[in-house]
PDB file of all heavy atoms in Angstrom:
ATOM      1  N   THR A   1     133.556  45.747 108.441  1.00  0.00           N
ATOM      2  CA  THR A   1     132.294  46.322 107.958  1.00  0.00           C
ATOM      3  C   THR A   1     131.236  46.424 109.054  1.00  0.00           C
ATOM      4  O   THR A   1     130.521  47.421 109.145  1.00  0.00           O
ATOM      5  CB  THR A   1     131.744  45.510 106.775  1.00  0.00           C
ATOM      6  OG1 THR A   1     131.548  44.153 107.163  1.00  0.00           O
ATOM      7  CG2 THR A   1     132.690  45.562 105.589  1.00  0.00           C
ATOM      8  N   TYR A   2     131.139  45.409 109.916  1.00  0.00           N
ATOM      9  CA  TYR A   2     130.184  45.509 111.018  1.00  0.00           C
ATOM     10  C   TYR A   2     130.696  46.478 112.080  1.00  0.00           C
ATOM     11  O   TYR A   2     129.898  47.070 112.821  1.00  0.00           O
ATOM     12  CB  TYR A   2     129.891  44.144 111.628  1.00  0.00           C
ATOM     13  CG  TYR A   2     128.976  43.299 110.766  1.00  0.00           C
ATOM     14  CD1 TYR A   2     129.010  41.916 110.803  1.00  0.00           C
ATOM     15  CD2 TYR A   2     128.074  43.903 109.894  1.00  0.00           C
ATOM     16  CE1 TYR A   2     128.179  41.151 110.003  1.00  0.00           C
ATOM     17  CE2 TYR A   2     127.242  43.143 109.092  1.00  0.00           C
ATOM     18  CZ  TYR A   2     127.301  41.773 109.150  1.00  0.00           C
ATOM     19  OH  TYR A   2     126.470  41.023 108.347  1.00  0.00           O
ATOM     20  N   GLY A   3     132.016  46.632 112.159  1.00  0.00           N
ATOM     21  CA  GLY A   3     132.562  47.675 113.026  1.00  0.00           C
ATOM     22  C   GLY A   3     132.115  49.051 112.555  1.00  0.00           C
ATOM     23  O   GLY A   3     131.669  49.889 113.346  1.00  0.00           O
ATOM     24  N   ALA A   4     132.205  49.275 111.239  1.00  0.00           N
ATOM     25  CA  ALA A   4     131.734  50.542 110.667  1.00  0.00           C
ATOM     26  C   ALA A   4     130.233  50.700 110.899  1.00  0.00           C
ATOM     27  O   ALA A   4     129.753  51.788 111.265  1.00  0.00           O
ATOM     28  CB  ALA A   4     132.049  50.588 109.176  1.00  0.00           C
ATOM     29  N   PHE A   5     129.488  49.619 110.710  1.00  0.00           N
ATOM     30  CA  PHE A   5     128.039  49.642 110.913  1.00  0.00           C
ATOM     31  C   PHE A   5     127.693  50.037 112.350  1.00  0.00           C
ATOM     32  O   PHE A   5     126.828  50.895 112.592  1.00  0.00           O
ATOM     33  CB  PHE A   5     127.475  48.259 110.579  1.00  0.00           C
ATOM     34  CG  PHE A   5     126.007  48.081 110.846  1.00  0.00           C
ATOM     35  CD1 PHE A   5     125.063  48.796 110.131  1.00  0.00           C
ATOM     36  CD2 PHE A   5     125.579  47.191 111.820  1.00  0.00           C
ATOM     37  CE1 PHE A   5     123.700  48.628 110.374  1.00  0.00           C
ATOM     38  CE2 PHE A   5     124.224  47.008 112.068  1.00  0.00           C
ATOM     39  CZ  PHE A   5     123.287  47.738 111.341  1.00  0.00           C
ATOM     40  N   GLY A   6     128.371  49.430 113.312  1.00  0.00           N
ATOM     41  CA  GLY A   6     128.106  49.733 114.719  1.00  0.00           C
ATOM     42  C   GLY A   6     128.485  51.155 115.089  1.00  0.00           C
ATOM     43  O   GLY A   6     127.755  51.829 115.823  1.00  0.00           O
ATOM     44  N   VAL A   7     129.613  51.621 114.589  1.00  0.00           N
ATOM     45  CA  VAL A   7     130.069  52.985 114.876  1.00  0.00           C
ATOM     46  C   VAL A   7     129.087  54.007 114.312  1.00  0.00           C
ATOM     47  O   VAL A   7     128.754  55.003 114.972  1.00  0.00           O
ATOM     48  CB  VAL A   7     131.478  53.204 114.296  1.00  0.00           C
ATOM     49  CG1 VAL A   7     131.846  54.691 114.277  1.00  0.00           C
ATOM     50  CG2 VAL A   7     132.508  52.425 115.103  1.00  0.00           C
ATOM     51  N   ILE A   8     128.612  53.772 113.104  1.00  0.00           N
ATOM     52  CA  ILE A   8     127.647  54.701 112.493  1.00  0.00           C
ATOM     53  C   ILE A   8     126.376  54.762 113.331  1.00  0.00           C
ATOM     54  O   ILE A   8     125.831  55.842 113.580  1.00  0.00           O
ATOM     55  CB  ILE A   8     127.328  54.282 111.046  1.00  0.00           C
ATOM     56  CG1 ILE A   8     128.564  54.427 110.170  1.00  0.00           C
ATOM     57  CG2 ILE A   8     126.195  55.137 110.478  1.00  0.00           C
ATOM     58  CD1 ILE A   8     128.428  53.788 108.798  1.00  0.00           C
ATOM     59  N   GLY A   9     125.895  53.611 113.804  1.00  0.00           N
ATOM     60  CA  GLY A   9     124.693  53.586 114.627  1.00  0.00           C
ATOM     61  C   GLY A   9     124.877  54.346 115.926  1.00  0.00           C
ATOM     62  O   GLY A   9     124.021  55.150 116.324  1.00  0.00           O
ATOM     63  N   ALA A  10     125.998  54.098 116.614  1.00  0.00           N
ATOM     64  CA  ALA A  10     126.266  54.782 117.880  1.00  0.00           C
ATOM     65  C   ALA A  10     126.344  56.292 117.684  1.00  0.00           C
ATOM     66  O   ALA A  10     125.849  57.069 118.510  1.00  0.00           O
ATOM     67  CB  ALA A  10     127.564  54.264 118.485  1.00  0.00           C
ATOM     68  N   SER A  11     126.946  56.720 116.587  1.00  0.00           N
ATOM     69  CA  SER A  11     127.131  58.145 116.330  1.00  0.00           C
ATOM     70  C   SER A  11     125.841  58.813 115.878  1.00  0.00           C
ATOM     71  O   SER A  11     125.458  59.875 116.377  1.00  0.00           O
ATOM     72  CB  SER A  11     128.211  58.335 115.253  1.00  0.00           C
ATOM     73  OG  SER A  11     129.402  57.681 115.605  1.00  0.00           O
ATOM     74  N   LEU A  12     125.165  58.172 114.929  1.00  0.00           N
ATOM     75  CA  LEU A  12     123.960  58.769 114.354  1.00  0.00           C
ATOM     76  C   LEU A  12     122.847  58.877 115.390  1.00  0.00           C
ATOM     77  O   LEU A  12     122.215  59.929 115.534  1.00  0.00           O
ATOM     78  CB  LEU A  12     123.504  57.922 113.164  1.00  0.00           C
ATOM     79  CG  LEU A  12     122.351  58.460 112.309  1.00  0.00           C
ATOM     80  CD1 LEU A  12     122.668  59.832 111.763  1.00  0.00           C
ATOM     81  CD2 LEU A  12     122.059  57.494 111.168  1.00  0.00           C
ATOM     82  N   PHE A  13     122.622  57.802 116.148  1.00  0.00           N
ATOM     83  CA  PHE A  13     121.550  57.841 117.140  1.00  0.00           C
ATOM     84  C   PHE A  13     121.954  58.633 118.380  1.00  0.00           C
ATOM     85  O   PHE A  13     121.119  59.295 118.998  1.00  0.00           O
ATOM     86  CB  PHE A  13     121.138  56.419 117.524  1.00  0.00           C
ATOM     87  CG  PHE A  13     120.323  55.746 116.468  1.00  0.00           C
ATOM     88  CD1 PHE A  13     120.927  54.982 115.483  1.00  0.00           C
ATOM     89  CD2 PHE A  13     118.945  55.901 116.429  1.00  0.00           C
ATOM     90  CE1 PHE A  13     120.177  54.372 114.493  1.00  0.00           C
ATOM     91  CE2 PHE A  13     118.186  55.297 115.442  1.00  0.00           C
ATOM     92  CZ  PHE A  13     118.798  54.535 114.461  1.00  0.00           C
ATOM     93  N   GLY A  14     123.237  58.575 118.745  1.00  0.00           N
ATOM     94  CA  GLY A  14     123.703  59.337 119.903  1.00  0.00           C
ATOM     95  C   GLY A  14     123.536  60.829 119.721  1.00  0.00           C
ATOM     96  O   GLY A  14     123.282  61.566 120.680  1.00  0.00           O
ATOM     97  N   PHE A  15     123.678  61.300 118.508  1.00  0.00           N
ATOM     98  CA  PHE A  15     123.462  62.707 118.218  1.00  0.00           C
ATOM     99  C   PHE A  15     122.054  62.963 117.700  1.00  0.00           C
ATOM    100  O   PHE A  15     121.323  63.791 118.231  1.00  0.00           O
ATOM    101  CB  PHE A  15     124.488  63.201 117.182  1.00  0.00           C
ATOM    102  CG  PHE A  15     125.722  63.776 117.790  1.00  0.00           C
ATOM    103  CD1 PHE A  15     126.717  62.946 118.284  1.00  0.00           C
ATOM    104  CD2 PHE A  15     125.911  65.142 117.866  1.00  0.00           C
ATOM    105  CE1 PHE A  15     127.861  63.473 118.849  1.00  0.00           C
ATOM    106  CE2 PHE A  15     127.052  65.684 118.427  1.00  0.00           C
ATOM    107  CZ  PHE A  15     128.033  64.843 118.926  1.00  0.00           C
ATOM    108  N   GLY A  16     121.677  62.245 116.650  1.00  0.00           N
ATOM    109  CA  GLY A  16     120.428  62.550 115.960  1.00  0.00           C
ATOM    110  C   GLY A  16     119.205  62.476 116.851  1.00  0.00           C
ATOM    111  O   GLY A  16     118.448  63.443 116.970  1.00  0.00           O
ATOM    112  N   VAL A  17     119.014  61.347 117.517  1.00  0.00           N
ATOM    113  CA  VAL A  17     117.799  61.153 118.316  1.00  0.00           C
ATOM    114  C   VAL A  17     117.878  61.935 119.624  1.00  0.00           C
ATOM    115  O   VAL A  17     116.933  62.647 119.992  1.00  0.00           O
ATOM    116  CB  VAL A  17     117.572  59.654 118.596  1.00  0.00           C
ATOM    117  CG1 VAL A  17     116.352  59.465 119.498  1.00  0.00           C
ATOM    118  CG2 VAL A  17     117.380  58.902 117.284  1.00  0.00           C
ATOM    119  N   LEU A  18     119.006  61.821 120.330  1.00  0.00           N
ATOM    120  CA  LEU A  18     119.094  62.455 121.646  1.00  0.00           C
ATOM    121  C   LEU A  18     119.020  63.971 121.554  1.00  0.00           C
ATOM    122  O   LEU A  18     118.376  64.620 122.386  1.00  0.00           O
ATOM    123  CB  LEU A  18     120.379  62.014 122.351  1.00  0.00           C
ATOM    124  CG  LEU A  18     120.477  60.517 122.669  1.00  0.00           C
ATOM    125  CD1 LEU A  18     121.750  60.210 123.428  1.00  0.00           C
ATOM    126  CD2 LEU A  18     119.264  60.062 123.478  1.00  0.00           C
ATOM    127  N   ILE A  19     119.658  64.559 120.556  1.00  0.00           N
ATOM    128  CA  ILE A  19     119.593  66.020 120.423  1.00  0.00           C
ATOM    129  C   ILE A  19     118.187  66.456 120.041  1.00  0.00           C
ATOM    130  O   ILE A  19     117.666  67.465 120.557  1.00  0.00           O
ATOM    131  CB  ILE A  19     120.633  66.516 119.399  1.00  0.00           C
ATOM    132  CG1 ILE A  19     122.027  66.454 120.019  1.00  0.00           C
ATOM    133  CG2 ILE A  19     120.323  67.939 118.934  1.00  0.00           C
ATOM    134  CD1 ILE A  19     123.141  66.928 119.125  1.00  0.00           C
ATOM    135  N   ALA A  20     117.541  65.726 119.154  1.00  0.00           N
ATOM    136  CA  ALA A  20     116.165  66.076 118.766  1.00  0.00           C
ATOM    137  C   ALA A  20     115.237  66.017 119.978  1.00  0.00           C
ATOM    138  O   ALA A  20     114.384  66.892 120.167  1.00  0.00           O
ATOM    139  CB  ALA A  20     115.680  65.143 117.667  1.00  0.00           C
ATOM    140  N   VAL A  21     115.396  64.983 120.801  1.00  0.00           N
ATOM    141  CA  VAL A  21     114.558  64.852 121.996  1.00  0.00           C
ATOM    142  C   VAL A  21     114.833  65.990 122.969  1.00  0.00           C
ATOM    143  O   VAL A  21     113.895  66.595 123.520  1.00  0.00           O
ATOM    144  CB  VAL A  21     114.809  63.485 122.677  1.00  0.00           C
ATOM    145  CG1 VAL A  21     114.153  63.436 124.053  1.00  0.00           C
ATOM    146  CG2 VAL A  21     114.278  62.360 121.802  1.00  0.00           C
ATOM    147  N   GLU A  22     116.097  66.310 123.186  1.00  0.00           N
ATOM    148  CA  GLU A  22     116.440  67.374 124.124  1.00  0.00           C
ATOM    149  C   GLU A  22     116.024  68.747 123.617  1.00  0.00           C
ATOM    150  O   GLU A  22     115.672  69.625 124.412  1.00  0.00           O
ATOM    151  CB  GLU A  22     117.936  67.316 124.442  1.00  0.00           C
ATOM    152  CG  GLU A  22     118.282  66.097 125.283  1.00  0.00           C
ATOM    153  CD  GLU A  22     119.772  65.888 125.480  1.00  0.00           C
ATOM    154  OE1 GLU A  22     120.564  66.740 125.020  1.00  0.00           O
ATOM    155  OE2 GLU A  22     120.136  64.872 126.117  1.00  0.00           O
ATOM    156  N   ARG A  23     116.044  68.930 122.312  1.00  0.00           N
ATOM    157  CA  ARG A  23     115.508  70.177 121.748  1.00  0.00           C
ATOM    158  C   ARG A  23     114.013  70.264 122.025  1.00  0.00           C
ATOM    159  O   ARG A  23     113.494  71.315 122.399  1.00  0.00           O
ATOM    160  CB  ARG A  23     115.745  70.236 120.233  1.00  0.00           C
ATOM    161  CG  ARG A  23     117.149  70.623 119.818  1.00  0.00           C
ATOM    162  CD  ARG A  23     117.322  70.587 118.311  1.00  0.00           C
ATOM    163  NE  ARG A  23     116.306  71.373 117.625  1.00  0.00           N
ATOM    164  CZ  ARG A  23     115.403  70.860 116.779  1.00  0.00           C
ATOM    165  NH1 ARG A  23     115.395  69.554 116.515  1.00  0.00           N
ATOM    166  NH2 ARG A  23     114.528  71.633 116.194  1.00  0.00           N
ATOM    167  N   GLY A  24     113.314  69.148 121.821  1.00  0.00           N
ATOM    168  CA  GLY A  24     111.875  69.128 122.048  1.00  0.00           C
ATOM    169  C   GLY A  24     111.506  69.355 123.503  1.00  0.00           C
ATOM    170  O   GLY A  24     110.470  69.959 123.802  1.00  0.00           O
ATOM    171  N   GLN A  25     112.351  68.891 124.430  1.00  0.00           N
ATOM    172  CA  GLN A  25     112.095  69.070 125.859  1.00  0.00           C
ATOM    173  C   GLN A  25     112.465  70.466 126.353  1.00  0.00           C
ATOM    174  O   GLN A  25     112.146  70.822 127.492  1.00  0.00           O
ATOM    175  CB  GLN A  25     112.899  68.033 126.655  1.00  0.00           C
ATOM    176  CG  GLN A  25     112.441  66.590 126.444  1.00  0.00           C
ATOM    177  CD  GLN A  25     113.386  65.603 127.088  1.00  0.00           C
ATOM    178  OE1 GLN A  25     114.582  65.891 127.301  1.00  0.00           O
ATOM    179  NE2 GLN A  25     112.882  64.413 127.393  1.00  0.00           N
ATOM    180  N   GLY A  26     113.171  71.234 125.510  1.00  0.00           N
ATOM    181  CA  GLY A  26     113.629  72.547 125.950  1.00  0.00           C
ATOM    182  C   GLY A  26     114.936  72.503 126.711  1.00  0.00           C
ATOM    183  O   GLY A  26     115.411  73.519 127.222  1.00  0.00           O
ATOM    184  N   TRP A  27     115.554  71.299 126.770  1.00  0.00           N
ATOM    185  CA  TRP A  27     116.791  71.150 127.537  1.00  0.00           C
ATOM    186  C   TRP A  27     117.954  71.904 126.892  1.00  0.00           C
ATOM    187  O   TRP A  27     118.751  72.533 127.580  1.00  0.00           O
ATOM    188  CB  TRP A  27     117.120  69.673 127.676  1.00  0.00           C
ATOM    189  CG  TRP A  27     118.350  69.374 128.488  1.00  0.00           C
ATOM    190  CD1 TRP A  27     119.430  68.660 128.081  1.00  0.00           C
ATOM    191  CD2 TRP A  27     118.616  69.769 129.839  1.00  0.00           C
ATOM    192  NE1 TRP A  27     120.357  68.584 129.089  1.00  0.00           N
ATOM    193  CE2 TRP A  27     119.884  69.262 130.175  1.00  0.00           C
ATOM    194  CE3 TRP A  27     117.919  70.515 130.784  1.00  0.00           C
ATOM    195  CZ2 TRP A  27     120.465  69.472 131.430  1.00  0.00           C
ATOM    196  CZ3 TRP A  27     118.495  70.722 132.037  1.00  0.00           C
ATOM    197  CH2 TRP A  27     119.748  70.198 132.346  1.00  0.00           C
ATOM    198  N   LEU A  28     118.024  71.852 125.577  1.00  0.00           N
ATOM    199  CA  LEU A  28     119.099  72.567 124.894  1.00  0.00           C
ATOM    200  C   LEU A  28     118.936  74.076 125.072  1.00  0.00           C
ATOM    201  O   LEU A  28     119.916  74.806 125.249  1.00  0.00           O
ATOM    202  CB  LEU A  28     119.117  72.207 123.406  1.00  0.00           C
ATOM    203  CG  LEU A  28     120.269  72.764 122.571  1.00  0.00           C
ATOM    204  CD1 LEU A  28     121.610  72.433 123.204  1.00  0.00           C
ATOM    205  CD2 LEU A  28     120.212  72.221 121.155  1.00  0.00           C
ATOM    206  N   GLU A  29     117.709  74.539 125.057  1.00  0.00           N
ATOM    207  CA  GLU A  29     117.446  75.961 125.293  1.00  0.00           C
ATOM    208  C   GLU A  29     117.887  76.352 126.705  1.00  0.00           C
ATOM    209  O   GLU A  29     118.471  77.420 126.907  1.00  0.00           O
ATOM    210  CB  GLU A  29     115.957  76.234 125.108  1.00  0.00           C
ATOM    211  CG  GLU A  29     115.571  77.701 125.232  1.00  0.00           C
ATOM    212  CD  GLU A  29     114.102  77.925 124.954  1.00  0.00           C
ATOM    213  OE1 GLU A  29     113.437  77.008 124.428  1.00  0.00           O
ATOM    214  OE2 GLU A  29     113.613  79.021 125.277  1.00  0.00           O
ATOM    215  N   ALA A  30     117.612  75.483 127.684  1.00  0.00           N
ATOM    216  CA  ALA A  30     118.041  75.754 129.058  1.00  0.00           C
ATOM    217  C   ALA A  30     119.565  75.792 129.146  1.00  0.00           C
ATOM    218  O   ALA A  30     120.137  76.633 129.855  1.00  0.00           O
ATOM    219  CB  ALA A  30     117.476  74.695 130.001  1.00  0.00           C
ATOM    220  N   LYS A  31     120.216  74.903 128.432  1.00  0.00           N
ATOM    221  CA  LYS A  31     121.682  74.872 128.445  1.00  0.00           C
ATOM    222  C   LYS A  31     122.262  76.189 127.924  1.00  0.00           C
ATOM    223  O   LYS A  31     123.286  76.676 128.405  1.00  0.00           O
ATOM    224  CB  LYS A  31     122.189  73.723 127.566  1.00  0.00           C
ATOM    225  CG  LYS A  31     121.980  72.338 128.141  1.00  0.00           C
ATOM    226  CD  LYS A  31     123.148  71.935 128.999  1.00  0.00           C
ATOM    227  CE  LYS A  31     123.100  70.465 129.346  1.00  0.00           C
ATOM    228  NZ  LYS A  31     124.246  70.058 130.179  1.00  0.00           N
ATOM    229  N   ARG A  32     121.604  76.763 126.930  1.00  0.00           N
ATOM    230  CA  ARG A  32     122.114  77.997 126.333  1.00  0.00           C
ATOM    231  C   ARG A  32     122.044  79.184 127.287  1.00  0.00           C
ATOM    232  O   ARG A  32     122.724  80.177 127.085  1.00  0.00           O
ATOM    233  CB  ARG A  32     121.316  78.316 125.067  1.00  0.00           C
ATOM    234  CG  ARG A  32     121.616  77.402 123.892  1.00  0.00           C
ATOM    235  CD  ARG A  32     120.679  77.665 122.743  1.00  0.00           C
ATOM    236  NE  ARG A  32     121.058  76.946 121.539  1.00  0.00           N
ATOM    237  CZ  ARG A  32     120.333  76.915 120.430  1.00  0.00           C
ATOM    238  NH1 ARG A  32     119.188  77.562 120.372  1.00  0.00           N
ATOM    239  NH2 ARG A  32     120.739  76.237 119.378  1.00  0.00           N
ATOM    240  N   THR A  33     121.198  79.084 128.301  1.00  0.00           N
ATOM    241  CA  THR A  33     121.068  80.197 129.250  1.00  0.00           C
ATOM    242  C   THR A  33     122.117  80.146 130.348  1.00  0.00           C
ATOM    243  O   THR A  33     122.210  81.069 131.157  1.00  0.00           O
ATOM    244  CB  THR A  33     119.667  80.190 129.898  1.00  0.00           C
ATOM    245  OG1 THR A  33     119.528  79.016 130.712  1.00  0.00           O
ATOM    246  CG2 THR A  33     118.575  80.240 128.842  1.00  0.00           C
ATOM    247  N   THR A  34     122.891  79.058 130.417  1.00  0.00           N
ATOM    248  CA  THR A  34     123.903  78.906 131.465  1.00  0.00           C
ATOM    249  C   THR A  34     125.255  79.411 130.970  1.00  0.00           C
ATOM    250  O   THR A  34     125.465  79.589 129.770  1.00  0.00           O
ATOM    251  CB  THR A  34     124.034  77.430 131.865  1.00  0.00           C
ATOM    252  OG1 THR A  34     124.656  76.712 130.792  1.00  0.00           O
ATOM    253  CG2 THR A  34     122.675  76.817 132.169  1.00  0.00           C
ATOM    254  N   PRO A  35     126.199  79.640 131.896  1.00  0.00           N
ATOM    255  CA  PRO A  35     127.550  80.078 131.487  1.00  0.00           C
ATOM    256  C   PRO A  35     128.354  78.988 130.774  1.00  0.00           C
ATOM    257  O   PRO A  35     129.425  79.257 130.242  1.00  0.00           O
ATOM    258  CB  PRO A  35     128.215  80.459 132.816  1.00  0.00           C
ATOM    259  CG  PRO A  35     127.110  80.579 133.807  1.00  0.00           C
ATOM    260  CD  PRO A  35     126.023  79.667 133.348  1.00  0.00           C
ATOM    261  N   MET A  36     127.852  77.736 130.809  1.00  0.00           N
ATOM    262  CA  MET A  36     128.577  76.645 130.169  1.00  0.00           C
ATOM    263  C   MET A  36     128.754  76.917 128.672  1.00  0.00           C
ATOM    264  O   MET A  36     127.793  77.288 127.998  1.00  0.00           O
ATOM    265  CB  MET A  36     127.798  75.341 130.344  1.00  0.00           C
ATOM    266  CG  MET A  36     128.472  74.131 129.714  1.00  0.00           C
ATOM    267  SD  MET A  36     127.309  72.784 129.390  1.00  0.00           S
ATOM    268  CE  MET A  36     126.470  73.402 127.938  1.00  0.00           C
ATOM    269  N   PRO A  37     129.972  76.761 128.152  1.00  0.00           N
ATOM    270  CA  PRO A  37     130.160  76.935 126.702  1.00  0.00           C
ATOM    271  C   PRO A  37     129.361  75.885 125.945  1.00  0.00           C
ATOM    272  O   PRO A  37     129.377  74.699 126.310  1.00  0.00           O
ATOM    273  CB  PRO A  37     131.666  76.743 126.506  1.00  0.00           C
ATOM    274  CG  PRO A  37     132.134  76.012 127.721  1.00  0.00           C
ATOM    275  CD  PRO A  37     131.222  76.405 128.837  1.00  0.00           C
ATOM    276  N   ILE A  38     128.637  76.299 124.914  1.00  0.00           N
ATOM    277  CA  ILE A  38     127.781  75.370 124.189  1.00  0.00           C
ATOM    278  C   ILE A  38     128.597  74.249 123.558  1.00  0.00           C
ATOM    279  O   ILE A  38     128.103  73.132 123.364  1.00  0.00           O
ATOM    280  CB  ILE A  38     126.950  76.121 123.118  1.00  0.00           C
ATOM    281  CG1 ILE A  38     125.832  75.224 122.577  1.00  0.00           C
ATOM    282  CG2 ILE A  38     127.838  76.631 122.001  1.00  0.00           C
ATOM    283  CD1 ILE A  38     124.812  74.809 123.594  1.00  0.00           C
ATOM    284  N   ALA A  39     129.879  74.521 123.266  1.00  0.00           N
ATOM    285  CA  ALA A  39     130.728  73.479 122.685  1.00  0.00           C
ATOM    286  C   ALA A  39     130.896  72.305 123.640  1.00  0.00           C
ATOM    287  O   ALA A  39     131.092  71.164 123.203  1.00  0.00           O
ATOM    288  CB  ALA A  39     132.095  74.050 122.321  1.00  0.00           C
ATOM    289  N   ALA A  40     130.802  72.554 124.958  1.00  0.00           N
ATOM    290  CA  ALA A  40     130.937  71.470 125.933  1.00  0.00           C
ATOM    291  C   ALA A  40     129.796  70.471 125.794  1.00  0.00           C
ATOM    292  O   ALA A  40     129.977  69.263 125.985  1.00  0.00           O
ATOM    293  CB  ALA A  40     130.977  72.041 127.350  1.00  0.00           C
ATOM    294  N   TYR A  41     128.623  70.965 125.464  1.00  0.00           N
ATOM    295  CA  TYR A  41     127.453  70.102 125.280  1.00  0.00           C
ATOM    296  C   TYR A  41     127.707  69.117 124.142  1.00  0.00           C
ATOM    297  O   TYR A  41     127.479  67.907 124.278  1.00  0.00           O
ATOM    298  CB  TYR A  41     126.236  70.975 124.977  1.00  0.00           C
ATOM    299  CG  TYR A  41     124.988  70.225 124.584  1.00  0.00           C
ATOM    300  CD1 TYR A  41     124.203  69.594 125.544  1.00  0.00           C
ATOM    301  CD2 TYR A  41     124.589  70.160 123.253  1.00  0.00           C
ATOM    302  CE1 TYR A  41     123.048  68.909 125.178  1.00  0.00           C
ATOM    303  CE2 TYR A  41     123.434  69.476 122.889  1.00  0.00           C
ATOM    304  CZ  TYR A  41     122.671  68.857 123.850  1.00  0.00           C
ATOM    305  OH  TYR A  41     121.533  68.182 123.483  1.00  0.00           O
ATOM    306  N   PHE A  42     128.200  69.625 123.020  1.00  0.00           N
ATOM    307  CA  PHE A  42     128.443  68.761 121.866  1.00  0.00           C
ATOM    308  C   PHE A  42     129.675  67.878 122.078  1.00  0.00           C
ATOM    309  O   PHE A  42     129.719  66.748 121.595  1.00  0.00           O
ATOM    310  CB  PHE A  42     128.598  69.609 120.610  1.00  0.00           C
ATOM    311  CG  PHE A  42     127.356  70.391 120.265  1.00  0.00           C
ATOM    312  CD1 PHE A  42     127.331  71.765 120.337  1.00  0.00           C
ATOM    313  CD2 PHE A  42     126.193  69.738 119.900  1.00  0.00           C
ATOM    314  CE1 PHE A  42     126.180  72.488 120.041  1.00  0.00           C
ATOM    315  CE2 PHE A  42     125.032  70.435 119.603  1.00  0.00           C
ATOM    316  CZ  PHE A  42     125.025  71.813 119.674  1.00  0.00           C
ATOM    317  N   THR A  43     130.662  68.392 122.825  1.00  0.00           N
ATOM    318  CA  THR A  43     131.848  67.584 123.129  1.00  0.00           C
ATOM    319  C   THR A  43     131.472  66.383 123.986  1.00  0.00           C
ATOM    320  O   THR A  43     131.988  65.274 123.793  1.00  0.00           O
ATOM    321  CB  THR A  43     132.909  68.431 123.848  1.00  0.00           C
ATOM    322  OG1 THR A  43     133.282  69.530 123.020  1.00  0.00           O
ATOM    323  CG2 THR A  43     134.142  67.609 124.177  1.00  0.00           C
ATOM    324  N   GLY A  44     130.567  66.582 124.931  1.00  0.00           N
ATOM    325  CA  GLY A  44     130.110  65.479 125.767  1.00  0.00           C
ATOM    326  C   GLY A  44     129.451  64.383 124.950  1.00  0.00           C
ATOM    327  O   GLY A  44     129.703  63.194 125.155  1.00  0.00           O
ATOM    328  N   LYS A  45     128.624  64.777 124.004  1.00  0.00           N
ATOM    329  CA  LYS A  45     127.956  63.799 123.148  1.00  0.00           C
ATOM    330  C   LYS A  45     128.964  63.103 122.230  1.00  0.00           C
ATOM    331  O   LYS A  45     128.844  61.905 121.963  1.00  0.00           O
ATOM    332  CB  LYS A  45     126.860  64.475 122.340  1.00  0.00           C
ATOM    333  CG  LYS A  45     125.588  64.715 123.166  1.00  0.00           C
ATOM    334  CD  LYS A  45     124.414  65.003 122.311  1.00  0.00           C
ATOM    335  CE  LYS A  45     123.090  64.839 123.043  1.00  0.00           C
ATOM    336  NZ  LYS A  45     123.083  65.044 124.471  1.00  0.00           N
TER     337      LYS A  45
END
């Protein structure tokens, strides 16, 4: 159960907070202007 708890935290905050911050900074918008496939961004996370 604490394994599930820890995994949920790592996943939720790793995506939820970091993506929101990067959207606010314009970083995700900058990524979209590059030839890099957008799926690579989410795969990295």
